[in-house]
């Protein structure tokens, strides 16, 4: 039996099974996108499927530090709204 991969939410710093978290990546073009398969290339990060963790993650420059990037506030806010919409509509697994 294989061990369940554990990842850390960058919002609350809690450790959870990989399948319970949302993964997103910063691609080579510098844009953010959700990664439901966990296999997209680029610098990735994980966040809980809760509005509170998403809000904390995208509140400050924390996201740029984790993704080793310099994304604009507009790009960050737009992606934050996209994630909040997915979570509030329960469309997380069908991203």
N, C-alpha and C. Protein backbone atom coordinates (compact mmCIF):
# COMPACT_ATOMS: atom_id res chain seq x y z
N UNK A 1 0.84 -1.18 0.00
CA UNK A 1 0.00 0.00 0.00
C UNK A 1 0.89 1.24 0.00
N UNK A 2 0.64 2.13 -0.93
CA UNK A 2 1.44 3.34 -1.06
C UNK A 2 1.03 4.39 -0.01
N UNK A 3 1.99 5.14 0.43
CA UNK A 3 1.71 6.21 1.40
C UNK A 3 1.03 7.37 0.69
N UNK A 4 0.11 8.02 1.39
CA UNK A 4 -0.61 9.17 0.85
C UNK A 4 0.33 10.38 0.89
N UNK A 5 0.54 11.06 -0.26
CA UNK A 5 1.39 12.24 -0.25
C UNK A 5 0.79 13.36 0.61
N UNK A 6 1.60 14.00 1.41
CA UNK A 6 1.18 15.09 2.28
C UNK A 6 1.79 16.38 1.76
N UNK A 7 0.98 17.44 1.72
CA UNK A 7 1.44 18.75 1.28
C UNK A 7 1.02 19.79 2.32
N UNK A 8 1.67 20.95 2.29
CA UNK A 8 1.40 22.02 3.23
C UNK A 8 0.63 23.14 2.55
N UNK A 9 -0.45 23.58 3.18
CA UNK A 9 -1.22 24.72 2.71
C UNK A 9 -0.42 25.98 3.00
N UNK A 10 -0.23 26.83 1.99
CA UNK A 10 0.55 28.03 2.23
C UNK A 10 -0.24 29.12 2.96
N UNK A 11 -1.54 28.89 3.15
CA UNK A 11 -2.37 29.83 3.89
C UNK A 11 -2.29 29.60 5.39
N UNK A 12 -2.64 28.38 5.81
CA UNK A 12 -2.69 28.08 7.24
C UNK A 12 -1.49 27.28 7.74
N UNK A 13 -0.64 26.84 6.81
CA UNK A 13 0.55 26.04 7.11
C UNK A 13 0.21 24.66 7.66
N UNK A 14 -1.05 24.22 7.52
CA UNK A 14 -1.44 22.89 7.94
C UNK A 14 -1.00 21.85 6.93
N UNK A 15 -0.79 20.63 7.38
CA UNK A 15 -0.37 19.54 6.50
C UNK A 15 -1.58 18.64 6.24
N UNK A 16 -1.86 18.39 4.95
CA UNK A 16 -3.03 17.64 4.54
C UNK A 16 -2.68 16.71 3.40
N UNK A 17 -3.51 15.67 3.18
CA UNK A 17 -3.29 14.84 1.99
C UNK A 17 -3.39 15.70 0.73
N UNK A 18 -2.53 15.41 -0.22
CA UNK A 18 -2.45 16.17 -1.46
C UNK A 18 -3.80 16.30 -2.15
N UNK A 19 -4.60 15.24 -2.12
CA UNK A 19 -5.90 15.24 -2.81
C UNK A 19 -6.91 16.20 -2.18
N UNK A 20 -6.67 16.65 -0.95
CA UNK A 20 -7.60 17.55 -0.27
C UNK A 20 -7.28 19.03 -0.49
N UNK A 21 -6.20 19.31 -1.18
CA UNK A 21 -5.77 20.69 -1.39
C UNK A 21 -5.93 21.09 -2.85
N UNK A 22 -5.97 22.40 -3.08
CA UNK A 22 -5.97 22.95 -4.44
C UNK A 22 -4.54 23.26 -4.82
N UNK A 23 -4.13 22.83 -6.00
CA UNK A 23 -2.80 23.17 -6.49
C UNK A 23 -2.94 24.20 -7.60
N UNK A 24 -2.05 25.16 -7.59
CA UNK A 24 -2.00 26.11 -8.69
C UNK A 24 -0.54 26.35 -9.03
N UNK A 25 -0.30 26.80 -10.25
CA UNK A 25 1.06 26.99 -10.71
C UNK A 25 1.24 28.36 -11.37
N UNK A 26 2.47 28.82 -11.34
CA UNK A 26 2.88 29.97 -12.12
C UNK A 26 3.64 29.40 -13.29
N UNK A 27 3.13 29.61 -14.47
CA UNK A 27 3.79 29.05 -15.64
C UNK A 27 4.91 29.95 -16.14
N UNK A 28 5.58 29.53 -17.20
CA UNK A 28 6.72 30.26 -17.74
C UNK A 28 6.34 31.67 -18.20
N UNK A 29 5.08 31.85 -18.62
CA UNK A 29 4.61 33.16 -19.08
C UNK A 29 4.30 34.10 -17.92
N UNK A 30 4.31 33.58 -16.70
CA UNK A 30 4.05 34.41 -15.53
C UNK A 30 2.59 34.50 -15.14
N UNK A 31 1.75 33.62 -15.67
CA UNK A 31 0.34 33.64 -15.30
C UNK A 31 0.06 32.52 -14.29
N UNK A 32 -1.03 32.66 -13.58
CA UNK A 32 -1.45 31.66 -12.60
C UNK A 32 -2.57 30.82 -13.17
N UNK A 33 -2.54 29.53 -12.87
CA UNK A 33 -3.63 28.66 -13.29
C UNK A 33 -3.78 27.51 -12.31
N UNK A 34 -5.01 27.04 -12.18
CA UNK A 34 -5.26 25.89 -11.31
C UNK A 34 -4.68 24.65 -11.98
N UNK A 35 -4.32 23.68 -11.15
CA UNK A 35 -3.72 22.45 -11.65
C UNK A 35 -4.40 21.25 -11.01
N UNK A 36 -5.55 20.86 -11.55
CA UNK A 36 -6.30 19.74 -10.95
C UNK A 36 -5.58 18.40 -11.07
N UNK A 37 -4.71 18.24 -12.06
CA UNK A 37 -4.00 16.98 -12.24
C UNK A 37 -2.74 16.89 -11.40
N UNK A 38 -2.21 18.04 -11.00
CA UNK A 38 -0.98 18.05 -10.23
C UNK A 38 0.25 17.81 -11.09
N UNK A 39 0.11 17.95 -12.40
CA UNK A 39 1.22 17.63 -13.30
C UNK A 39 1.63 18.76 -14.22
N UNK A 40 1.00 19.93 -14.08
CA UNK A 40 1.38 21.04 -14.94
C UNK A 40 2.79 21.51 -14.59
N UNK A 41 3.56 21.90 -15.61
CA UNK A 41 4.90 22.41 -15.33
C UNK A 41 4.82 23.82 -14.75
N UNK A 42 5.82 24.18 -14.01
CA UNK A 42 5.86 25.51 -13.41
C UNK A 42 5.98 25.41 -11.91
N UNK A 43 6.17 26.54 -11.29
CA UNK A 43 6.30 26.61 -9.83
C UNK A 43 4.92 26.49 -9.21
N UNK A 44 4.70 25.48 -8.40
CA UNK A 44 3.39 25.23 -7.84
C UNK A 44 3.30 25.47 -6.34
N UNK A 45 2.07 25.58 -5.87
CA UNK A 45 1.80 25.75 -4.44
C UNK A 45 0.43 25.14 -4.15
N UNK A 46 0.18 24.86 -2.89
CA UNK A 46 -1.07 24.25 -2.46
C UNK A 46 -1.77 25.15 -1.46
N UNK A 47 -3.10 25.14 -1.52
CA UNK A 47 -3.91 25.90 -0.57
C UNK A 47 -5.15 25.07 -0.23
N UNK A 48 -5.63 25.22 1.01
CA UNK A 48 -6.85 24.53 1.44
C UNK A 48 -8.04 24.99 0.59
N UNK A 49 -9.06 24.17 0.57
CA UNK A 49 -10.27 24.50 -0.16
C UNK A 49 -11.21 25.32 0.70
N UNK A 50 -10.66 26.31 1.39
CA UNK A 50 -11.47 27.18 2.24
C UNK A 50 -11.23 28.63 1.86
N UNK A 51 -12.28 29.42 1.98
CA UNK A 51 -12.16 30.84 1.65
C UNK A 51 -11.15 31.53 2.57
N UNK A 52 -11.11 31.13 3.83
CA UNK A 52 -10.19 31.76 4.78
C UNK A 52 -8.74 31.56 4.35
N UNK A 53 -8.37 30.35 3.98
CA UNK A 53 -6.98 30.08 3.57
C UNK A 53 -6.65 30.78 2.26
N UNK A 54 -7.60 30.82 1.34
CA UNK A 54 -7.37 31.52 0.07
C UNK A 54 -7.16 33.00 0.32
N UNK A 55 -7.97 33.60 1.19
CA UNK A 55 -7.82 35.02 1.51
C UNK A 55 -6.46 35.32 2.15
N UNK A 56 -6.03 34.48 3.07
CA UNK A 56 -4.73 34.68 3.71
C UNK A 56 -3.60 34.54 2.70
N UNK A 57 -3.70 33.54 1.85
CA UNK A 57 -2.66 33.27 0.87
C UNK A 57 -2.44 34.44 -0.08
N UNK A 58 -3.53 35.05 -0.51
CA UNK A 58 -3.43 36.10 -1.52
C UNK A 58 -3.52 37.51 -0.93
N UNK A 59 -3.40 37.63 0.39
CA UNK A 59 -3.55 38.93 1.04
C UNK A 59 -2.34 39.83 0.84
N UNK A 60 -1.16 39.27 0.91
CA UNK A 60 0.05 40.10 0.84
C UNK A 60 0.98 39.57 -0.24
N UNK A 61 2.23 39.83 -0.09
CA UNK A 61 3.22 39.35 -1.05
C UNK A 61 3.59 37.90 -0.81
N UNK A 62 2.89 37.24 0.10
CA UNK A 62 3.17 35.84 0.42
C UNK A 62 3.17 34.98 -0.85
N UNK A 63 2.24 35.23 -1.73
CA UNK A 63 2.13 34.41 -2.94
C UNK A 63 3.35 34.60 -3.83
N UNK A 64 3.84 35.81 -3.96
CA UNK A 64 5.04 36.05 -4.77
C UNK A 64 6.26 35.37 -4.15
N UNK A 65 6.35 35.37 -2.84
CA UNK A 65 7.46 34.70 -2.18
C UNK A 65 7.43 33.19 -2.44
N UNK A 66 6.27 32.59 -2.30
CA UNK A 66 6.15 31.15 -2.50
C UNK A 66 6.37 30.73 -3.93
N UNK A 67 5.92 31.53 -4.85
CA UNK A 67 6.05 31.18 -6.27
C UNK A 67 7.33 31.75 -6.90
N UNK A 68 8.12 32.42 -6.08
CA UNK A 68 9.37 33.03 -6.56
C UNK A 68 9.12 33.85 -7.82
N UNK A 69 8.20 34.79 -7.68
CA UNK A 69 7.81 35.61 -8.82
C UNK A 69 7.56 37.04 -8.36
N UNK A 70 7.17 37.85 -9.30
CA UNK A 70 6.82 39.23 -9.01
C UNK A 70 5.53 39.56 -9.76
N UNK A 71 4.47 38.85 -9.40
CA UNK A 71 3.18 39.04 -10.05
C UNK A 71 2.55 40.36 -9.63
N UNK A 72 1.83 40.98 -10.54
CA UNK A 72 1.16 42.24 -10.21
C UNK A 72 -0.03 41.99 -9.29
N UNK A 73 -0.41 43.01 -8.57
CA UNK A 73 -1.56 42.92 -7.67
C UNK A 73 -2.81 42.56 -8.45
N UNK A 74 -2.95 43.07 -9.66
CA UNK A 74 -4.12 42.79 -10.48
C UNK A 74 -4.21 41.30 -10.84
N UNK A 75 -3.09 40.70 -11.21
CA UNK A 75 -3.06 39.27 -11.55
C UNK A 75 -3.41 38.44 -10.32
N UNK A 76 -2.83 38.80 -9.19
CA UNK A 76 -3.07 38.07 -7.95
C UNK A 76 -4.54 38.17 -7.53
N UNK A 77 -5.09 39.37 -7.54
CA UNK A 77 -6.50 39.56 -7.14
C UNK A 77 -7.45 38.84 -8.08
N UNK A 78 -7.17 38.86 -9.36
CA UNK A 78 -8.03 38.18 -10.33
C UNK A 78 -8.03 36.67 -10.09
N UNK A 79 -6.85 36.10 -9.86
CA UNK A 79 -6.77 34.66 -9.62
C UNK A 79 -7.41 34.30 -8.28
N UNK A 80 -7.25 35.15 -7.29
CA UNK A 80 -7.88 34.92 -5.98
C UNK A 80 -9.40 34.82 -6.16
N UNK A 81 -9.99 35.73 -6.92
CA UNK A 81 -11.43 35.70 -7.15
C UNK A 81 -11.85 34.43 -7.88
N UNK A 82 -11.02 33.97 -8.81
CA UNK A 82 -11.31 32.72 -9.53
C UNK A 82 -11.34 31.54 -8.57
N UNK A 83 -10.35 31.46 -7.67
CA UNK A 83 -10.33 30.37 -6.69
C UNK A 83 -11.50 30.45 -5.72
N UNK A 84 -11.81 31.65 -5.24
CA UNK A 84 -12.94 31.81 -4.32
C UNK A 84 -14.24 31.39 -4.99
N UNK A 85 -14.39 31.70 -6.25
CA UNK A 85 -15.58 31.31 -6.99
C UNK A 85 -15.68 29.78 -7.11
N UNK A 86 -14.56 29.13 -7.41
CA UNK A 86 -14.55 27.67 -7.51
C UNK A 86 -14.94 27.02 -6.19
N UNK A 87 -14.38 27.53 -5.10
CA UNK A 87 -14.65 26.96 -3.78
C UNK A 87 -16.10 27.20 -3.37
N UNK A 88 -16.61 28.40 -3.61
CA UNK A 88 -17.97 28.72 -3.18
C UNK A 88 -19.03 27.96 -3.99
N UNK A 89 -18.71 27.60 -5.24
CA UNK A 89 -19.64 26.86 -6.07
C UNK A 89 -19.42 25.35 -6.00
N UNK A 90 -18.43 24.93 -5.23
CA UNK A 90 -18.17 23.50 -5.08
C UNK A 90 -17.62 22.85 -6.33
N UNK A 91 -17.00 23.62 -7.23
CA UNK A 91 -16.47 23.07 -8.48
C UNK A 91 -14.99 22.75 -8.39
N UNK A 92 -14.51 22.47 -7.22
CA UNK A 92 -13.08 22.28 -7.01
C UNK A 92 -12.56 21.07 -7.76
N UNK A 93 -13.20 19.94 -7.67
CA UNK A 93 -12.68 18.74 -8.30
C UNK A 93 -12.80 18.79 -9.82
N UNK A 94 -13.71 19.61 -10.34
CA UNK A 94 -13.89 19.69 -11.77
C UNK A 94 -13.16 20.86 -12.39
N UNK A 95 -12.12 21.35 -11.73
CA UNK A 95 -11.39 22.52 -12.22
C UNK A 95 -10.81 22.23 -13.58
